[in-house]
mmCIF file of all heavy atoms, coordinates in Angstrom:
data_MODEL
# 
_entry.id   MODEL 
# 
loop_
_atom_site.group_PDB 
_atom_site.id 
_atom_site.type_symbol 
_atom_site.label_atom_id 
_atom_site.label_alt_id 
_atom_site.label_comp_id 
_atom_site.label_asym_id 
_atom_site.label_entity_id 
_atom_site.label_seq_id 
_atom_site.pdbx_PDB_ins_code 
_atom_site.Cartn_x 
_atom_site.Cartn_y 
_atom_site.Cartn_z 
_atom_site.occupancy 
_atom_site.B_iso_or_equiv 
_atom_site.pdbx_formal_charge 
_atom_site.auth_seq_id 
_atom_site.auth_comp_id 
_atom_site.auth_asym_id 
_atom_site.auth_atom_id 
_atom_site.pdbx_PDB_model_num 
ATOM 1   N N   . ARG A 1 1  ? -22.634 125.509 -33.434 1.00 0.00 ? 1  ARG A N   1 
ATOM 2   C CA  . ARG A 1 1  ? -21.761 124.351 -33.206 1.00 0.00 ? 1  ARG A CA  1 
ATOM 3   C C   . ARG A 1 1  ? -20.334 124.774 -32.855 1.00 0.00 ? 1  ARG A C   1 
ATOM 4   O O   . ARG A 1 1  ? -19.368 124.062 -33.125 1.00 0.00 ? 1  ARG A O   1 
ATOM 5   C CB  . ARG A 1 1  ? -21.760 123.399 -34.407 1.00 0.00 ? 1  ARG A CB  1 
ATOM 6   C CG  . ARG A 1 1  ? -23.135 122.914 -34.832 1.00 0.00 ? 1  ARG A CG  1 
ATOM 7   C CD  . ARG A 1 1  ? -23.727 121.920 -33.867 1.00 0.00 ? 1  ARG A CD  1 
ATOM 8   N NE  . ARG A 1 1  ? -23.017 120.659 -33.850 1.00 0.00 ? 1  ARG A NE  1 
ATOM 9   C CZ  . ARG A 1 1  ? -23.227 119.704 -32.951 1.00 0.00 ? 1  ARG A CZ  1 
ATOM 10  N NH1 . ARG A 1 1  ? -24.111 119.878 -31.991 1.00 0.00 ? 1  ARG A NH1 1 
ATOM 11  N NH2 . ARG A 1 1  ? -22.546 118.576 -33.004 1.00 0.00 ? 1  ARG A NH2 1 
ATOM 12  N N   . ARG A 1 2  ? -20.194 125.946 -32.233 1.00 0.00 ? 2  ARG A N   1 
ATOM 13  C CA  . ARG A 1 2  ? -18.900 126.429 -31.746 1.00 0.00 ? 2  ARG A CA  1 
ATOM 14  C C   . ARG A 1 2  ? -19.055 126.782 -30.270 1.00 0.00 ? 2  ARG A C   1 
ATOM 15  O O   . ARG A 1 2  ? -19.956 127.541 -29.903 1.00 0.00 ? 2  ARG A O   1 
ATOM 16  C CB  . ARG A 1 2  ? -18.423 127.667 -32.515 1.00 0.00 ? 2  ARG A CB  1 
ATOM 17  C CG  . ARG A 1 2  ? -18.226 127.446 -33.995 1.00 0.00 ? 2  ARG A CG  1 
ATOM 18  C CD  . ARG A 1 2  ? -17.434 128.598 -34.629 1.00 0.00 ? 2  ARG A CD  1 
ATOM 19  N NE  . ARG A 1 2  ? -18.021 129.902 -34.363 1.00 0.00 ? 2  ARG A NE  1 
ATOM 20  C CZ  . ARG A 1 2  ? -19.006 130.456 -35.075 1.00 0.00 ? 2  ARG A CZ  1 
ATOM 21  N NH1 . ARG A 1 2  ? -19.552 129.784 -36.082 1.00 0.00 ? 2  ARG A NH1 1 
ATOM 22  N NH2 . ARG A 1 2  ? -19.464 131.659 -34.783 1.00 0.00 ? 2  ARG A NH2 1 
ATOM 23  N N   . PRO A 1 3  ? -18.199 126.262 -29.399 1.00 0.00 ? 3  PRO A N   1 
ATOM 24  C CA  . PRO A 1 3  ? -18.337 126.533 -27.961 1.00 0.00 ? 3  PRO A CA  1 
ATOM 25  C C   . PRO A 1 3  ? -17.990 127.975 -27.634 1.00 0.00 ? 3  PRO A C   1 
ATOM 26  O O   . PRO A 1 3  ? -17.172 128.613 -28.309 1.00 0.00 ? 3  PRO A O   1 
ATOM 27  C CB  . PRO A 1 3  ? -17.345 125.566 -27.320 1.00 0.00 ? 3  PRO A CB  1 
ATOM 28  C CG  . PRO A 1 3  ? -16.295 125.375 -28.367 1.00 0.00 ? 3  PRO A CG  1 
ATOM 29  C CD  . PRO A 1 3  ? -17.023 125.421 -29.686 1.00 0.00 ? 3  PRO A CD  1 
ATOM 30  N N   . GLN A 1 4  ? -18.597 128.492 -26.568 1.00 0.00 ? 4  GLN A N   1 
ATOM 31  C CA  . GLN A 1 4  ? -18.347 129.845 -26.110 1.00 0.00 ? 4  GLN A CA  1 
ATOM 32  C C   . GLN A 1 4  ? -17.887 129.804 -24.655 1.00 0.00 ? 4  GLN A C   1 
ATOM 33  O O   . GLN A 1 4  ? -17.840 128.748 -24.028 1.00 0.00 ? 4  GLN A O   1 
ATOM 34  C CB  . GLN A 1 4  ? -19.603 130.695 -26.267 1.00 0.00 ? 4  GLN A CB  1 
ATOM 35  C CG  . GLN A 1 4  ? -20.110 130.777 -27.707 1.00 0.00 ? 4  GLN A CG  1 
ATOM 36  C CD  . GLN A 1 4  ? -19.080 131.335 -28.671 1.00 0.00 ? 4  GLN A CD  1 
ATOM 37  O OE1 . GLN A 1 4  ? -18.665 132.488 -28.560 1.00 0.00 ? 4  GLN A OE1 1 
ATOM 38  N NE2 . GLN A 1 4  ? -18.641 130.510 -29.621 1.00 0.00 ? 4  GLN A NE2 1 
ATOM 39  N N   . ALA A 1 5  ? -17.534 130.977 -24.131 1.00 0.00 ? 5  ALA A N   1 
ATOM 40  C CA  . ALA A 1 5  ? -17.009 131.067 -22.776 1.00 0.00 ? 5  ALA A CA  1 
ATOM 41  C C   . ALA A 1 5  ? -17.947 131.896 -21.904 1.00 0.00 ? 5  ALA A C   1 
ATOM 42  O O   . ALA A 1 5  ? -18.609 132.820 -22.378 1.00 0.00 ? 5  ALA A O   1 
ATOM 43  C CB  . ALA A 1 5  ? -15.611 131.676 -22.778 1.00 0.00 ? 5  ALA A CB  1 
ATOM 44  N N   . VAL A 1 6  ? -17.984 131.544 -20.630 1.00 0.00 ? 6  VAL A N   1 
ATOM 45  C CA  . VAL A 1 6  ? -18.794 132.229 -19.625 1.00 0.00 ? 6  VAL A CA  1 
ATOM 46  C C   . VAL A 1 6  ? -17.877 132.591 -18.467 1.00 0.00 ? 6  VAL A C   1 
ATOM 47  O O   . VAL A 1 6  ? -17.009 131.797 -18.081 1.00 0.00 ? 6  VAL A O   1 
ATOM 48  C CB  . VAL A 1 6  ? -19.933 131.309 -19.119 1.00 0.00 ? 6  VAL A CB  1 
ATOM 49  C CG1 . VAL A 1 6  ? -20.717 131.974 -17.989 1.00 0.00 ? 6  VAL A CG1 1 
ATOM 50  C CG2 . VAL A 1 6  ? -20.861 130.911 -20.259 1.00 0.00 ? 6  VAL A CG2 1 
ATOM 51  N N   . MET A 1 7  ? -18.047 133.797 -17.906 1.00 0.00 ? 7  MET A N   1 
ATOM 52  C CA  . MET A 1 7  ? -17.335 134.153 -16.670 1.00 0.00 ? 7  MET A CA  1 
ATOM 53  C C   . MET A 1 7  ? -18.320 134.732 -15.678 1.00 0.00 ? 7  MET A C   1 
ATOM 54  O O   . MET A 1 7  ? -18.969 135.749 -15.960 1.00 0.00 ? 7  MET A O   1 
ATOM 55  C CB  . MET A 1 7  ? -16.203 135.140 -16.916 1.00 0.00 ? 7  MET A CB  1 
ATOM 56  C CG  . MET A 1 7  ? -15.421 135.419 -15.632 1.00 0.00 ? 7  MET A CG  1 
ATOM 57  S SD  . MET A 1 7  ? -13.962 136.435 -15.853 1.00 0.00 ? 7  MET A SD  1 
ATOM 58  C CE  . MET A 1 7  ? -13.343 136.464 -14.154 1.00 0.00 ? 7  MET A CE  1 
ATOM 59  N N   . LEU A 1 8  ? -18.405 134.097 -14.507 1.00 0.00 ? 8  LEU A N   1 
ATOM 60  C CA  . LEU A 1 8  ? -19.345 134.511 -13.478 1.00 0.00 ? 8  LEU A CA  1 
ATOM 61  C C   . LEU A 1 8  ? -18.595 134.891 -12.207 1.00 0.00 ? 8  LEU A C   1 
ATOM 62  O O   . LEU A 1 8  ? -17.387 134.692 -12.088 1.00 0.00 ? 8  LEU A O   1 
ATOM 63  C CB  . LEU A 1 8  ? -20.347 133.392 -13.211 1.00 0.00 ? 8  LEU A CB  1 
ATOM 64  C CG  . LEU A 1 8  ? -21.144 132.942 -14.445 1.00 0.00 ? 8  LEU A CG  1 
ATOM 65  C CD1 . LEU A 1 8  ? -22.050 131.776 -14.103 1.00 0.00 ? 8  LEU A CD1 1 
ATOM 66  C CD2 . LEU A 1 8  ? -21.940 134.096 -15.037 1.00 0.00 ? 8  LEU A CD2 1 
ATOM 67  N N   . HIS A 1 9  ? -19.350 135.430 -11.248 1.00 0.00 ? 9  HIS A N   1 
ATOM 68  C CA  . HIS A 1 9  ? -18.760 136.013 -10.044 1.00 0.00 ? 9  HIS A CA  1 
ATOM 69  C C   . HIS A 1 9  ? -18.555 134.963 -8.962  1.00 0.00 ? 9  HIS A C   1 
ATOM 70  O O   . HIS A 1 9  ? -19.495 134.529 -8.304  1.00 0.00 ? 9  HIS A O   1 
ATOM 71  C CB  . HIS A 1 9  ? -19.682 137.139 -9.548  1.00 0.00 ? 9  HIS A CB  1 
ATOM 72  C CG  . HIS A 1 9  ? -19.229 137.786 -8.284  1.00 0.00 ? 9  HIS A CG  1 
ATOM 73  N ND1 . HIS A 1 9  ? -17.926 138.173 -8.066  1.00 0.00 ? 9  HIS A ND1 1 
ATOM 74  C CD2 . HIS A 1 9  ? -19.910 138.124 -7.159  1.00 0.00 ? 9  HIS A CD2 1 
ATOM 75  C CE1 . HIS A 1 9  ? -17.829 138.725 -6.876  1.00 0.00 ? 9  HIS A CE1 1 
ATOM 76  N NE2 . HIS A 1 9  ? -19.021 138.698 -6.296  1.00 0.00 ? 9  HIS A NE2 1 
ATOM 77  N N   . VAL A 1 10 ? -17.374 134.521 -8.810  1.00 0.00 ? 10 VAL A N   1 
ATOM 78  C CA  . VAL A 1 10 ? -16.874 133.606 -7.785  1.00 0.00 ? 10 VAL A CA  1 
ATOM 79  C C   . VAL A 1 10 ? -17.883 132.507 -7.427  1.00 0.00 ? 10 VAL A C   1 
ATOM 80  O O   . VAL A 1 10 ? -18.615 131.999 -8.271  1.00 0.00 ? 10 VAL A O   1 
ATOM 81  C CB  . VAL A 1 10 ? -16.385 134.394 -6.536  1.00 0.00 ? 10 VAL A CB  1 
ATOM 82  C CG1 . VAL A 1 10 ? -15.224 135.291 -6.899  1.00 0.00 ? 10 VAL A CG1 1 
ATOM 83  C CG2 . VAL A 1 10 ? -17.485 135.211 -5.866  1.00 0.00 ? 10 VAL A CG2 1 
ATOM 84  N N   . SER A 1 11 ? -17.935 132.142 -6.164  1.00 0.00 ? 11 SER A N   1 
ATOM 85  C CA  . SER A 1 11 ? -18.772 131.020 -5.720  1.00 0.00 ? 11 SER A CA  1 
ATOM 86  C C   . SER A 1 11 ? -20.256 131.311 -5.891  1.00 0.00 ? 11 SER A C   1 
ATOM 87  O O   . SER A 1 11 ? -21.020 130.445 -6.338  1.00 0.00 ? 11 SER A O   1 
ATOM 88  C CB  . SER A 1 11 ? -18.477 130.710 -4.256  1.00 0.00 ? 11 SER A CB  1 
ATOM 89  O OG  . SER A 1 11 ? -18.671 131.883 -3.459  1.00 0.00 ? 11 SER A OG  1 
ATOM 90  N N   . VAL A 1 12 ? -20.682 132.517 -5.557  1.00 0.00 ? 12 VAL A N   1 
ATOM 91  C CA  . VAL A 1 12 ? -22.118 132.819 -5.593  1.00 0.00 ? 12 VAL A CA  1 
ATOM 92  C C   . VAL A 1 12 ? -22.644 132.845 -7.022  1.00 0.00 ? 12 VAL A C   1 
ATOM 93  O O   . VAL A 1 12 ? -23.759 132.381 -7.309  1.00 0.00 ? 12 VAL A O   1 
ATOM 94  C CB  . VAL A 1 12 ? -22.419 134.141 -4.863  1.00 0.00 ? 12 VAL A CB  1 
ATOM 95  C CG1 . VAL A 1 12 ? -22.226 133.972 -3.368  1.00 0.00 ? 12 VAL A CG1 1 
ATOM 96  C CG2 . VAL A 1 12 ? -21.556 135.291 -5.395  1.00 0.00 ? 12 VAL A CG2 1 
ATOM 97  N N   . GLY A 1 13 ? -21.864 133.379 -7.938  1.00 0.00 ? 13 GLY A N   1 
ATOM 98  C CA  . GLY A 1 13 ? -22.289 133.385 -9.336  1.00 0.00 ? 13 GLY A CA  1 
ATOM 99  C C   . GLY A 1 13 ? -22.334 131.993 -9.921  1.00 0.00 ? 13 GLY A C   1 
ATOM 100 O O   . GLY A 1 13 ? -23.285 131.631 -10.624 1.00 0.00 ? 13 GLY A O   1 
ATOM 101 N N   . ALA A 1 14 ? -21.314 131.188 -9.613  1.00 0.00 ? 14 ALA A N   1 
ATOM 102 C CA  . ALA A 1 14 ? -21.308 129.810 -10.116 1.00 0.00 ? 14 ALA A CA  1 
ATOM 103 C C   . ALA A 1 14 ? -22.505 129.035 -9.566  1.00 0.00 ? 14 ALA A C   1 
ATOM 104 O O   . ALA A 1 14 ? -23.147 128.262 -10.289 1.00 0.00 ? 14 ALA A O   1 
ATOM 105 C CB  . ALA A 1 14 ? -20.004 129.122 -9.734  1.00 0.00 ? 14 ALA A CB  1 
ATOM 106 N N   . ALA A 1 15 ? -22.835 129.253 -8.296  1.00 0.00 ? 15 ALA A N   1 
ATOM 107 C CA  . ALA A 1 15 ? -23.963 128.546 -7.695  1.00 0.00 ? 15 ALA A CA  1 
ATOM 108 C C   . ALA A 1 15 ? -25.269 128.894 -8.392  1.00 0.00 ? 15 ALA A C   1 
ATOM 109 O O   . ALA A 1 15 ? -26.125 128.039 -8.604  1.00 0.00 ? 15 ALA A O   1 
ATOM 110 C CB  . ALA A 1 15 ? -24.058 128.887 -6.206  1.00 0.00 ? 15 ALA A CB  1 
ATOM 111 N N   . ASN A 1 16 ? -25.417 130.157 -8.771  1.00 0.00 ? 16 ASN A N   1 
ATOM 112 C CA  . ASN A 1 16 ? -26.651 130.587 -9.422  1.00 0.00 ? 16 ASN A CA  1 
ATOM 113 C C   . ASN A 1 16 ? -26.810 130.001 -10.818 1.00 0.00 ? 16 ASN A C   1 
ATOM 114 O O   . ASN A 1 16 ? -27.911 130.010 -11.370 1.00 0.00 ? 16 ASN A O   1 
ATOM 115 C CB  . ASN A 1 16 ? -26.679 132.120 -9.505  1.00 0.00 ? 16 ASN A CB  1 
ATOM 116 C CG  . ASN A 1 16 ? -27.978 132.702 -8.995  1.00 0.00 ? 16 ASN A CG  1 
ATOM 117 O OD1 . ASN A 1 16 ? -28.809 132.000 -8.438  1.00 0.00 ? 16 ASN A OD1 1 
ATOM 118 N ND2 . ASN A 1 16 ? -28.159 133.991 -9.184  1.00 0.00 ? 16 ASN A ND2 1 
ATOM 119 N N   . ALA A 1 17 ? -25.728 129.504 -11.390 1.00 0.00 ? 17 ALA A N   1 
ATOM 120 C CA  . ALA A 1 17 ? -25.762 128.994 -12.758 1.00 0.00 ? 17 ALA A CA  1 
ATOM 121 C C   . ALA A 1 17 ? -25.850 127.481 -12.840 1.00 0.00 ? 17 ALA A C   1 
ATOM 122 O O   . ALA A 1 17 ? -25.866 126.929 -13.940 1.00 0.00 ? 17 ALA A O   1 
ATOM 123 C CB  . ALA A 1 17 ? -24.506 129.456 -13.510 1.00 0.00 ? 17 ALA A CB  1 
ATOM 124 N N   . VAL A 1 18 ? -25.927 126.796 -11.712 1.00 0.00 ? 18 VAL A N   1 
ATOM 125 C CA  . VAL A 1 18 ? -25.861 125.333 -11.730 1.00 0.00 ? 18 VAL A CA  1 
ATOM 126 C C   . VAL A 1 18 ? -27.003 124.727 -12.538 1.00 0.00 ? 18 VAL A C   1 
ATOM 127 O O   . VAL A 1 18 ? -26.821 123.736 -13.265 1.00 0.00 ? 18 VAL A O   1 
ATOM 128 C CB  . VAL A 1 18 ? -25.824 124.777 -10.293 1.00 0.00 ? 18 VAL A CB  1 
ATOM 129 C CG1 . VAL A 1 18 ? -26.076 123.280 -10.274 1.00 0.00 ? 18 VAL A CG1 1 
ATOM 130 C CG2 . VAL A 1 18 ? -24.471 125.078 -9.663  1.00 0.00 ? 18 VAL A CG2 1 
ATOM 131 N N   . CYS A 1 19 ? -28.207 125.294 -12.462 1.00 0.00 ? 19 CYS A N   1 
ATOM 132 C CA  . CYS A 1 19 ? -29.327 124.752 -13.233 1.00 0.00 ? 19 CYS A CA  1 
ATOM 133 C C   . CYS A 1 19 ? -29.004 124.756 -14.733 1.00 0.00 ? 19 CYS A C   1 
ATOM 134 O O   . CYS A 1 19 ? -29.201 123.756 -15.427 1.00 0.00 ? 19 CYS A O   1 
ATOM 135 C CB  . CYS A 1 19 ? -30.591 125.565 -12.961 1.00 0.00 ? 19 CYS A CB  1 
ATOM 136 S SG  . CYS A 1 19 ? -32.039 125.016 -13.877 1.00 0.00 ? 19 CYS A SG  1 
ATOM 137 N N   . GLY A 1 20 ? -28.503 125.883 -15.226 1.00 0.00 ? 20 GLY A N   1 
ATOM 138 C CA  . GLY A 1 20 ? -28.134 125.956 -16.636 1.00 0.00 ? 20 GLY A CA  1 
ATOM 139 C C   . GLY A 1 20 ? -27.011 125.010 -16.984 1.00 0.00 ? 20 GLY A C   1 
ATOM 140 O O   . GLY A 1 20 ? -26.961 124.456 -18.088 1.00 0.00 ? 20 GLY A O   1 
ATOM 141 N N   . LEU A 1 21 ? -26.106 124.803 -16.049 1.00 0.00 ? 21 LEU A N   1 
ATOM 142 C CA  . LEU A 1 21 ? -24.984 123.902 -16.294 1.00 0.00 ? 21 LEU A CA  1 
ATOM 143 C C   . LEU A 1 21 ? -25.455 122.451 -16.382 1.00 0.00 ? 21 LEU A C   1 
ATOM 144 O O   . LEU A 1 21 ? -24.946 121.665 -17.189 1.00 0.00 ? 21 LEU A O   1 
ATOM 145 C CB  . LEU A 1 21 ? -23.949 124.068 -15.184 1.00 0.00 ? 21 LEU A CB  1 
ATOM 146 C CG  . LEU A 1 21 ? -22.545 123.555 -15.475 1.00 0.00 ? 21 LEU A CG  1 
ATOM 147 C CD1 . LEU A 1 21 ? -21.935 124.292 -16.651 1.00 0.00 ? 21 LEU A CD1 1 
ATOM 148 C CD2 . LEU A 1 21 ? -21.667 123.690 -14.249 1.00 0.00 ? 21 LEU A CD2 1 
ATOM 149 N N   . ILE A 1 22 ? -26.437 122.083 -15.554 1.00 0.00 ? 22 ILE A N   1 
ATOM 150 C CA  . ILE A 1 22 ? -27.014 120.737 -15.651 1.00 0.00 ? 22 ILE A CA  1 
ATOM 151 C C   . ILE A 1 22 ? -27.600 120.525 -17.046 1.00 0.00 ? 22 ILE A C   1 
ATOM 152 O O   . ILE A 1 22 ? -27.402 119.480 -17.679 1.00 0.00 ? 22 ILE A O   1 
ATOM 153 C CB  . ILE A 1 22 ? -28.097 120.529 -14.572 1.00 0.00 ? 22 ILE A CB  1 
ATOM 154 C CG1 . ILE A 1 22 ? -27.469 120.516 -13.178 1.00 0.00 ? 22 ILE A CG1 1 
ATOM 155 C CG2 . ILE A 1 22 ? -28.854 119.234 -14.813 1.00 0.00 ? 22 ILE A CG2 1 
ATOM 156 C CD1 . ILE A 1 22 ? -28.481 120.527 -12.053 1.00 0.00 ? 22 ILE A CD1 1 
ATOM 157 N N   . ASN A 1 23 ? -28.336 121.519 -17.542 1.00 0.00 ? 23 ASN A N   1 
ATOM 158 C CA  . ASN A 1 23 ? -28.910 121.398 -18.882 1.00 0.00 ? 23 ASN A CA  1 
ATOM 159 C C   . ASN A 1 23 ? -27.829 121.216 -19.938 1.00 0.00 ? 23 ASN A C   1 
ATOM 160 O O   . ASN A 1 23 ? -27.949 120.374 -20.840 1.00 0.00 ? 23 ASN A O   1 
ATOM 161 C CB  . ASN A 1 23 ? -29.743 122.644 -19.200 1.00 0.00 ? 23 ASN A CB  1 
ATOM 162 C CG  . ASN A 1 23 ? -31.057 122.691 -18.448 1.00 0.00 ? 23 ASN A CG  1 
ATOM 163 O OD1 . ASN A 1 23 ? -31.616 121.664 -18.092 1.00 0.00 ? 23 ASN A OD1 1 
ATOM 164 N ND2 . ASN A 1 23 ? -31.557 123.888 -18.203 1.00 0.00 ? 23 ASN A ND2 1 
ATOM 165 N N   . ALA A 1 24 ? -26.764 122.003 -19.855 1.00 0.00 ? 24 ALA A N   1 
ATOM 166 C CA  . ALA A 1 24 ? -25.683 121.900 -20.835 1.00 0.00 ? 24 ALA A CA  1 
ATOM 167 C C   . ALA A 1 24 ? -25.004 120.541 -20.766 1.00 0.00 ? 24 ALA A C   1 
ATOM 168 O O   . ALA A 1 24 ? -24.680 119.939 -21.793 1.00 0.00 ? 24 ALA A O   1 
ATOM 169 C CB  . ALA A 1 24 ? -24.664 123.022 -20.615 1.00 0.00 ? 24 ALA A CB  1 
ATOM 170 N N   . ALA A 1 25 ? -24.799 120.036 -19.555 1.00 0.00 ? 25 ALA A N   1 
ATOM 171 C CA  . ALA A 1 25 ? -24.141 118.743 -19.401 1.00 0.00 ? 25 ALA A CA  1 
ATOM 172 C C   . ALA A 1 25 ? -24.966 117.625 -20.009 1.00 0.00 ? 25 ALA A C   1 
ATOM 173 O O   . ALA A 1 25 ? -24.456 116.775 -20.750 1.00 0.00 ? 25 ALA A O   1 
ATOM 174 C CB  . ALA A 1 25 ? -23.877 118.470 -17.921 1.00 0.00 ? 25 ALA A CB  1 
ATOM 175 N N   . ARG A 1 26 ? -26.268 117.597 -19.712 1.00 0.00 ? 26 ARG A N   1 
ATOM 176 C CA  . ARG A 1 26 ? -27.109 116.519 -20.228 1.00 0.00 ? 26 ARG A CA  1 
ATOM 177 C C   . ARG A 1 26 ? -27.332 116.643 -21.735 1.00 0.00 ? 26 ARG A C   1 
ATOM 178 O O   . ARG A 1 26 ? -27.560 115.635 -22.417 1.00 0.00 ? 26 ARG A O   1 
ATOM 179 C CB  . ARG A 1 26 ? -28.458 116.519 -19.498 1.00 0.00 ? 26 ARG A CB  1 
ATOM 180 C CG  . ARG A 1 26 ? -28.367 116.113 -18.026 1.00 0.00 ? 26 ARG A CG  1 
ATOM 181 C CD  . ARG A 1 26 ? -27.740 114.736 -17.866 1.00 0.00 ? 26 ARG A CD  1 
ATOM 182 N NE  . ARG A 1 26 ? -27.860 114.226 -16.502 1.00 0.00 ? 26 ARG A NE  1 
ATOM 183 C CZ  . ARG A 1 26 ? -26.856 113.756 -15.778 1.00 0.00 ? 26 ARG A CZ  1 
ATOM 184 N NH1 . ARG A 1 26 ? -25.627 113.757 -16.290 1.00 0.00 ? 26 ARG A NH1 1 
ATOM 185 N NH2 . ARG A 1 26 ? -27.050 113.283 -14.561 1.00 0.00 ? 26 ARG A NH2 1 
ATOM 186 N N   . ALA A 1 27 ? -27.265 117.860 -22.268 1.00 0.00 ? 27 ALA A N   1 
ATOM 187 C CA  . ALA A 1 27 ? -27.417 118.055 -23.714 1.00 0.00 ? 27 ALA A CA  1 
ATOM 188 C C   . ALA A 1 27 ? -26.091 117.909 -24.461 1.00 0.00 ? 27 ALA A C   1 
ATOM 189 O O   . ALA A 1 27 ? -26.050 118.090 -25.678 1.00 0.00 ? 27 ALA A O   1 
ATOM 190 C CB  . ALA A 1 27 ? -28.022 119.429 -23.994 1.00 0.00 ? 27 ALA A CB  1 
# 
């Protein structure tokens, strides 16, 4: 129950993580 931080590689890294981000947003 404590938020964490993620750092990915510019546009291409962020794009690869969108599926996981959708899950986090809906949850």
